[in-house]
């Protein structure tokens, strides 16, 4: 009987899962857009979003999770521009940008996340390097990726037609801290 109980405990612990949720106070996402200004140089615009939610589950060392970013909550310190970003991201139809984690892998000491990025009704599989930090009750990721507007059916923003034209790609990134709940 003791052997059976010990075996049962081992099986249960082998299948134990850990659950985490996004620590909203310590997480954010951003975009960094660079635009060419007519014959003068370039301009950089950064919008920060602190409206994230999501969860992460680890079962038998396999991770899966989803993070949602409210597509209408980017703050670039220009209300007019933020409203334009909201329109560009089609917030009324797609209120969230979503990243679904499919796999975490390590290669030559670096950590990579592979998943599906959903923006403006389009889902694309991506992989990017991250910095990962693990403590007793949390897991944090910090990473960035460059994407092309057209890959997500977005027209690159302009100001007055040709005076200011965004480059064809944009940097998006995040710092996401998950806190353990189970």
C-alpha atoms as a PDB file:
ATOM      1  CA  UNK A   1       0.000   0.000   0.000  1.00  0.00           C
ATOM      2  CA  UNK A   2       2.830   2.423   0.843  1.00  0.00           C
ATOM      3  CA  UNK A   3       4.414   1.788  -2.548  1.00  0.00           C
ATOM      4  CA  UNK A   4       1.089   2.504  -4.275  1.00  0.00           C
ATOM      5  CA  UNK A   5       0.656   5.806  -2.413  1.00  0.00           C
ATOM      6  CA  UNK A   6       4.257   6.806  -3.172  1.00  0.00           C
ATOM      7  CA  UNK A   7       3.720   5.972  -6.849  1.00  0.00           C
ATOM      8  CA  UNK A   8       0.485   7.985  -6.886  1.00  0.00           C
ATOM      9  CA  UNK A   9       2.217  11.003  -5.312  1.00  0.00           C
ATOM     10  CA  UNK A  10       5.041  10.790  -7.869  1.00  0.00           C
ATOM     11  CA  UNK A  11       2.590  10.620 -10.766  1.00  0.00           C
ATOM     12  CA  UNK A  12       0.592  13.559  -9.435  1.00  0.00           C
ATOM     13  CA  UNK A  13       3.691  15.704  -8.904  1.00  0.00           C
ATOM     14  CA  UNK A  14       4.985  14.844 -12.379  1.00  0.00           C
ATOM     15  CA  UNK A  15       1.734  16.152 -13.846  1.00  0.00           C
ATOM     16  CA  UNK A  16       1.506  19.181 -11.585  1.00  0.00           C
ATOM     17  CA  UNK A  17       1.023  22.448 -13.349  1.00  0.00           C
ATOM     18  CA  UNK A  18       2.060  25.941 -12.452  1.00  0.00           C
ATOM     19  CA  UNK A  19      -0.226  28.846 -13.296  1.00  0.00           C
ATOM     20  CA  UNK A  20       0.738  32.493 -13.677  1.00  0.00           C
ATOM     21  CA  UNK A  21      -1.108  35.675 -14.575  1.00  0.00           C
ATOM     22  CA  UNK A  22       0.239  38.938 -15.976  1.00  0.00           C
ATOM     23  CA  UNK A  23       1.363  41.279 -13.199  1.00  0.00           C
ATOM     24  CA  UNK A  24      -0.207  44.409 -14.674  1.00  0.00           C
ATOM     25  CA  UNK A  25       1.681  46.760 -12.353  1.00  0.00           C
ATOM     26  CA  UNK A  26       5.028  45.538 -13.722  1.00  0.00           C
ATOM     27  CA  UNK A  27       4.222  44.885 -17.390  1.00  0.00           C
ATOM     28  CA  UNK A  28       3.936  47.012 -20.523  1.00  0.00           C
ATOM     29  CA  UNK A  29       4.125  46.882 -24.294  1.00  0.00           C
ATOM     30  CA  UNK A  30       5.343  49.539 -26.704  1.00  0.00           C
ATOM     31  CA  UNK A  31       5.764  50.448 -30.322  1.00  0.00           C
ATOM     32  CA  UNK A  32       8.572  52.506 -31.797  1.00  0.00           C
ATOM     33  CA  UNK A  33       7.882  53.948 -35.218  1.00  0.00           C
ATOM     34  CA  UNK A  34      10.448  55.844 -37.266  1.00  0.00           C
ATOM     35  CA  UNK A  35       9.365  58.161 -40.053  1.00  0.00           C
ATOM     36  CA  UNK A  36      11.197  60.056 -42.731  1.00  0.00           C
ATOM     37  CA  UNK A  37      10.589  63.785 -42.657  1.00  0.00           C
ATOM     38  CA  UNK A  38      10.726  65.363 -46.120  1.00  0.00           C
ATOM     39  CA  UNK A  39      14.449  65.782 -46.959  1.00  0.00           C
ATOM     40  CA  UNK A  40      15.245  66.695 -43.337  1.00  0.00           C
ATOM     41  CA  UNK A  41      15.910  63.462 -41.480  1.00  0.00           C
ATOM     42  CA  UNK A  42      13.838  61.169 -39.344  1.00  0.00           C
ATOM     43  CA  UNK A  43      11.493  61.303 -36.407  1.00  0.00           C
ATOM     44  CA  UNK A  44      10.933  58.619 -33.753  1.00  0.00           C
ATOM     45  CA  UNK A  45       7.567  58.042 -32.073  1.00  0.00           C
ATOM     46  CA  UNK A  46       7.098  55.774 -29.076  1.00  0.00           C
ATOM     47  CA  UNK A  47       3.748  54.661 -27.702  1.00  0.00           C
ATOM     48  CA  UNK A  48       3.505  52.786 -24.410  1.00  0.00           C
ATOM     49  CA  UNK A  49       0.653  50.543 -23.319  1.00  0.00           C
ATOM     50  CA  UNK A  50       0.169  49.395 -19.723  1.00  0.00           C
ATOM     51  CA  UNK A  51      -3.157  47.658 -20.372  1.00  0.00           C
ATOM     52  CA  UNK A  52      -2.088  44.017 -20.551  1.00  0.00           C
ATOM     53  CA  UNK A  53      -3.660  40.851 -19.250  1.00  0.00           C
ATOM     54  CA  UNK A  54      -3.063  37.163 -19.752  1.00  0.00           C
ATOM     55  CA  UNK A  55      -1.879  33.923 -18.293  1.00  0.00           C
ATOM     56  CA  UNK A  56       0.877  31.349 -18.536  1.00  0.00           C
ATOM     57  CA  UNK A  57       0.700  27.651 -17.671  1.00  0.00           C
ATOM     58  CA  UNK A  58       3.619  25.285 -17.268  1.00  0.00           C
ATOM     59  CA  UNK A  59       2.796  21.588 -17.405  1.00  0.00           C
ATOM     60  CA  UNK A  60       5.564  18.998 -17.531  1.00  0.00           C
ATOM     61  CA  UNK A  61       8.076  21.724 -18.422  1.00  0.00           C
ATOM     62  CA  UNK A  62       5.957  22.754 -21.420  1.00  0.00           C
ATOM     63  CA  UNK A  63       4.750  26.354 -21.484  1.00  0.00           C
ATOM     64  CA  UNK A  64       1.657  27.798 -23.034  1.00  0.00           C
ATOM     65  CA  UNK A  65      -0.031  31.101 -22.557  1.00  0.00           C
ATOM     66  CA  UNK A  66      -1.670  34.137 -24.040  1.00  0.00           C
ATOM     67  CA  UNK A  67      -1.140  37.849 -23.525  1.00  0.00           C
ATOM     68  CA  UNK A  68      -3.736  40.435 -24.557  1.00  0.00           C
ATOM     69  CA  UNK A  69      -2.831  44.087 -25.153  1.00  0.00           C
ATOM     70  CA  UNK A  70      -5.672  46.601 -25.438  1.00  0.00           C
ATOM     71  CA  UNK A  71      -5.133  48.068 -28.923  1.00  0.00           C
ATOM     72  CA  UNK A  72      -6.815  51.330 -27.911  1.00  0.00           C
ATOM     73  CA  UNK A  73      -4.583  52.151 -24.932  1.00  0.00           C
ATOM     74  CA  UNK A  74      -1.258  53.233 -26.482  1.00  0.00           C
ATOM     75  CA  UNK A  75       0.033  56.525 -25.091  1.00  0.00           C
ATOM     76  CA  UNK A  76       2.448  58.502 -27.278  1.00  0.00           C
ATOM     77  CA  UNK A  77       1.770  61.759 -25.413  1.00  0.00           C
ATOM     78  CA  UNK A  78      -0.337  63.015 -28.320  1.00  0.00           C
ATOM     79  CA  UNK A  79      -4.069  62.356 -28.026  1.00  0.00           C
ATOM     80  CA  UNK A  80      -4.645  62.963 -31.731  1.00  0.00           C
ATOM     81  CA  UNK A  81      -1.900  60.516 -32.709  1.00  0.00           C
ATOM     82  CA  UNK A  82      -3.158  57.944 -30.185  1.00  0.00           C
ATOM     83  CA  UNK A  83      -6.643  58.140 -31.716  1.00  0.00           C
ATOM     84  CA  UNK A  84      -5.071  57.629 -35.152  1.00  0.00           C
ATOM     85  CA  UNK A  85      -3.171  54.561 -33.895  1.00  0.00           C
ATOM     86  CA  UNK A  86      -6.443  53.236 -32.496  1.00  0.00           C
ATOM     87  CA  UNK A  87      -8.014  53.626 -35.970  1.00  0.00           C
ATOM     88  CA  UNK A  88      -5.011  52.071 -37.735  1.00  0.00           C
ATOM     89  CA  UNK A  89      -5.219  49.032 -35.444  1.00  0.00           C
ATOM     90  CA  UNK A  90      -8.962  48.796 -36.130  1.00  0.00           C
ATOM     91  CA  UNK A  91      -9.674  48.857 -32.385  1.00  0.00           C
ATOM     92  CA  UNK A  92     -13.460  48.862 -32.796  1.00  0.00           C
ATOM     93  CA  UNK A  93     -13.325  45.504 -34.595  1.00  0.00           C
ATOM     94  CA  UNK A  94     -10.168  44.024 -32.973  1.00  0.00           C
ATOM     95  CA  UNK A  95      -9.875  45.478 -29.466  1.00  0.00           C
ATOM     96  CA  UNK A  96      -6.832  43.375 -28.560  1.00  0.00           C
ATOM     97  CA  UNK A  97      -3.425  42.558 -29.909  1.00  0.00           C
ATOM     98  CA  UNK A  98      -2.798  38.978 -28.885  1.00  0.00           C
ATOM     99  CA  UNK A  99       0.336  36.892 -28.506  1.00  0.00           C
ATOM    100  CA  UNK A 100      -0.146  33.161 -28.021  1.00  0.00           C
ATOM    101  CA  UNK A 101       2.955  31.373 -26.774  1.00  0.00           C
ATOM    102  CA  UNK A 102       3.543  28.087 -28.582  1.00  0.00           C
ATOM    103  CA  UNK A 103       7.048  27.231 -27.452  1.00  0.00           C
ATOM    104  CA  UNK A 104      10.052  28.448 -25.522  1.00  0.00           C
ATOM    105  CA  UNK A 105      13.455  27.219 -26.630  1.00  0.00           C
ATOM    106  CA  UNK A 106      17.081  27.845 -25.811  1.00  0.00           C
ATOM    107  CA  UNK A 107      19.949  28.024 -28.267  1.00  0.00           C
ATOM    108  CA  UNK A 108      23.541  28.923 -27.403  1.00  0.00           C
ATOM    109  CA  UNK A 109      22.561  30.478 -24.088  1.00  0.00           C
ATOM    110  CA  UNK A 110      19.746  32.599 -25.529  1.00  0.00           C
ATOM    111  CA  UNK A 111      16.019  32.158 -24.928  1.00  0.00           C
ATOM    112  CA  UNK A 112      13.541  32.377 -27.803  1.00  0.00           C
ATOM    113  CA  UNK A 113       9.762  32.537 -27.751  1.00  0.00           C
ATOM    114  CA  UNK A 114       7.766  31.183 -30.650  1.00  0.00           C
ATOM    115  CA  UNK A 115       4.126  32.048 -30.973  1.00  0.00           C
ATOM    116  CA  UNK A 116       1.320  33.600 -32.945  1.00  0.00           C
ATOM    117  CA  UNK A 117       0.959  37.366 -33.052  1.00  0.00           C
ATOM    118  CA  UNK A 118      -2.545  38.611 -33.841  1.00  0.00           C
ATOM    119  CA  UNK A 119      -2.933  42.236 -34.953  1.00  0.00           C
ATOM    120  CA  UNK A 120      -5.756  43.839 -36.949  1.00  0.00           C
ATOM    121  CA  UNK A 121      -7.408  40.499 -37.742  1.00  0.00           C
ATOM    122  CA  UNK A 122      -4.201  38.895 -39.036  1.00  0.00           C
ATOM    123  CA  UNK A 123      -2.326  36.101 -37.249  1.00  0.00           C
ATOM    124  CA  UNK A 124       1.357  35.447 -38.015  1.00  0.00           C
ATOM    125  CA  UNK A 125       3.740  32.960 -36.459  1.00  0.00           C
ATOM    126  CA  UNK A 126       6.841  34.695 -35.091  1.00  0.00           C
ATOM    127  CA  UNK A 127       9.937  33.857 -33.084  1.00  0.00           C
ATOM    128  CA  UNK A 128      12.143  36.313 -31.230  1.00  0.00           C
ATOM    129  CA  UNK A 129      14.881  36.448 -28.613  1.00  0.00           C
ATOM    130  CA  UNK A 130      13.954  37.443 -25.068  1.00  0.00           C
ATOM    131  CA  UNK A 131      15.647  38.055 -21.779  1.00  0.00           C
ATOM    132  CA  UNK A 132      14.092  35.799 -19.183  1.00  0.00           C
ATOM    133  CA  UNK A 133      14.206  36.175 -15.438  1.00  0.00           C
ATOM    134  CA  UNK A 134      12.818  33.589 -13.042  1.00  0.00           C
ATOM    135  CA  UNK A 135      12.232  33.982  -9.325  1.00  0.00           C
ATOM    136  CA  UNK A 136      10.368  31.815  -6.850  1.00  0.00           C
ATOM    137  CA  UNK A 137       6.951  33.289  -7.665  1.00  0.00           C
ATOM    138  CA  UNK A 138       7.378  35.013 -11.026  1.00  0.00           C
ATOM    139  CA  UNK A 139       8.689  34.754 -14.565  1.00  0.00           C
ATOM    140  CA  UNK A 140       9.592  37.868 -16.559  1.00  0.00           C
ATOM    141  CA  UNK A 141      10.247  38.273 -20.269  1.00  0.00           C
ATOM    142  CA  UNK A 142      11.622  41.281 -22.104  1.00  0.00           C
ATOM    143  CA  UNK A 143      11.895  41.296 -25.873  1.00  0.00           C
ATOM    144  CA  UNK A 144      11.250  43.116 -29.115  1.00  0.00           C
ATOM    145  CA  UNK A 145      10.667  42.377 -32.768  1.00  0.00           C
ATOM    146  CA  UNK A 146      10.428  44.340 -35.985  1.00  0.00           C
ATOM    147  CA  UNK A 147       7.356  43.731 -38.130  1.00  0.00           C
ATOM    148  CA  UNK A 148       6.158  45.160 -41.427  1.00  0.00           C
ATOM    149  CA  UNK A 149       2.909  47.117 -41.416  1.00  0.00           C
ATOM    150  CA  UNK A 150       1.733  45.372 -44.584  1.00  0.00           C
ATOM    151  CA  UNK A 151       2.081  41.911 -42.966  1.00  0.00           C
ATOM    152  CA  UNK A 152      -0.841  42.872 -40.713  1.00  0.00           C
ATOM    153  CA  UNK A 153      -2.889  44.761 -43.341  1.00  0.00           C
ATOM    154  CA  UNK A 154      -1.906  48.133 -41.921  1.00  0.00           C
ATOM    155  CA  UNK A 155      -1.091  51.128 -44.078  1.00  0.00           C
ATOM    156  CA  UNK A 156       2.003  52.937 -42.813  1.00  0.00           C
ATOM    157  CA  UNK A 157       0.915  56.250 -41.298  1.00  0.00           C
ATOM    158  CA  UNK A 158       1.635  59.552 -43.045  1.00  0.00           C
ATOM    159  CA  UNK A 159       1.293  63.204 -42.177  1.00  0.00           C
ATOM    160  CA  UNK A 160       0.176  65.523 -44.966  1.00  0.00           C
ATOM    161  CA  UNK A 161       0.738  62.831 -47.583  1.00  0.00           C
ATOM    162  CA  UNK A 162       4.463  63.105 -48.275  1.00  0.00           C
ATOM    163  CA  UNK A 163       5.825  65.429 -45.588  1.00  0.00           C
ATOM    164  CA  UNK A 164       6.168  62.635 -43.063  1.00  0.00           C
ATOM    165  CA  UNK A 165       6.066  58.944 -44.028  1.00  0.00           C
ATOM    166  CA  UNK A 166       6.578  56.045 -41.579  1.00  0.00           C
ATOM    167  CA  UNK A 167       9.206  53.465 -42.473  1.00  0.00           C
ATOM    168  CA  UNK A 168       7.751  50.178 -43.717  1.00  0.00           C
ATOM    169  CA  UNK A 169       8.430  48.361 -40.450  1.00  0.00           C
ATOM    170  CA  UNK A 170       7.816  49.106 -36.813  1.00  0.00           C
ATOM    171  CA  UNK A 171       9.432  47.840 -33.615  1.00  0.00           C
ATOM    172  CA  UNK A 172       7.119  46.326 -31.052  1.00  0.00           C
ATOM    173  CA  UNK A 173       8.240  45.073 -27.706  1.00  0.00           C
ATOM    174  CA  UNK A 174       7.160  44.202 -24.228  1.00  0.00           C
ATOM    175  CA  UNK A 175       8.221  43.665 -20.674  1.00  0.00           C
ATOM    176  CA  UNK A 176       5.871  41.108 -19.188  1.00  0.00           C
ATOM    177  CA  UNK A 177       5.983  39.814 -15.661  1.00  0.00           C
ATOM    178  CA  UNK A 178       3.886  36.789 -14.763  1.00  0.00           C
ATOM    179  CA  UNK A 179       3.132  36.154 -11.099  1.00  0.00           C
ATOM    180  CA  UNK A 180       2.394  32.686  -9.803  1.00  0.00           C
ATOM    181  CA  UNK A 181      -1.160  31.973  -8.695  1.00  0.00           C
ATOM    182  CA  UNK A 182      -0.994  28.212  -8.113  1.00  0.00           C
END
